[in-house]
Amino acid sequence: MGSNRFQRLARELAKRDADLVDGLEKARAAAQTLQAHARACVACFCEEVRASGAEHLANLAVGPVGWDEKHVDCFEFRATRGRFEVVFVFKASGTTTFVGPFKRGGPECPCTSYDPGDPEAEAGVEARLLALIRQASER
C-alpha cells in the first residue's frame, strides 16, 4: 500500500504549514462571526417576506463555515438562492474576500477584499446579501 509514502508526505505538509495554525484559528473565528451576521440578515428578510405573503422569496440559505473549496489555507461559507451564490472567504493571512453574487458555473465575480478587523466587512456582508437577493429574485 505504500503507507510510508503517505506518512512522509503528511509530515512534510504538516511541517510546511505549522505557521498557519494561529492564522487559521483567527480566520475561522472571523468566518463564524460574519456567518452569524449573515444568518441574522437572511432570517430578518425571510421573516418579513413571509409576513408579507411572499413566502416564495424566502428560499435563501446561509451555509456552514468550512474549509475553502479552492485554497488549502482558508475557510469559507456561502449564501445561496437557487443557482445564485455569494462566497465569503477567510484567509489565514487575515484577508477576507467576498465573491459574487454570481450564477453557479459562471464567472466568479465581483470580488471585494477586506483587511483583518476592517469594520466595513459587516456592511460588505449585508451589501452582498442584498445584491444576491435582488439578482436571484428577478422575474
Foldseek 3Di string as FASTA:
>chain_A
DPVVVVVVVVVVVCVVCVVLVVLLVLLQVVQVVLLVLLVVLLVVVCVVCVVVVNNVLSQKDKADWDQDPPDRFWIWIWIDDPQWIKIWIGGSQQKIKIWDRDGPPDDTDDIDIDHHPPPCVSVVSVVRVVVRSVVNPDD
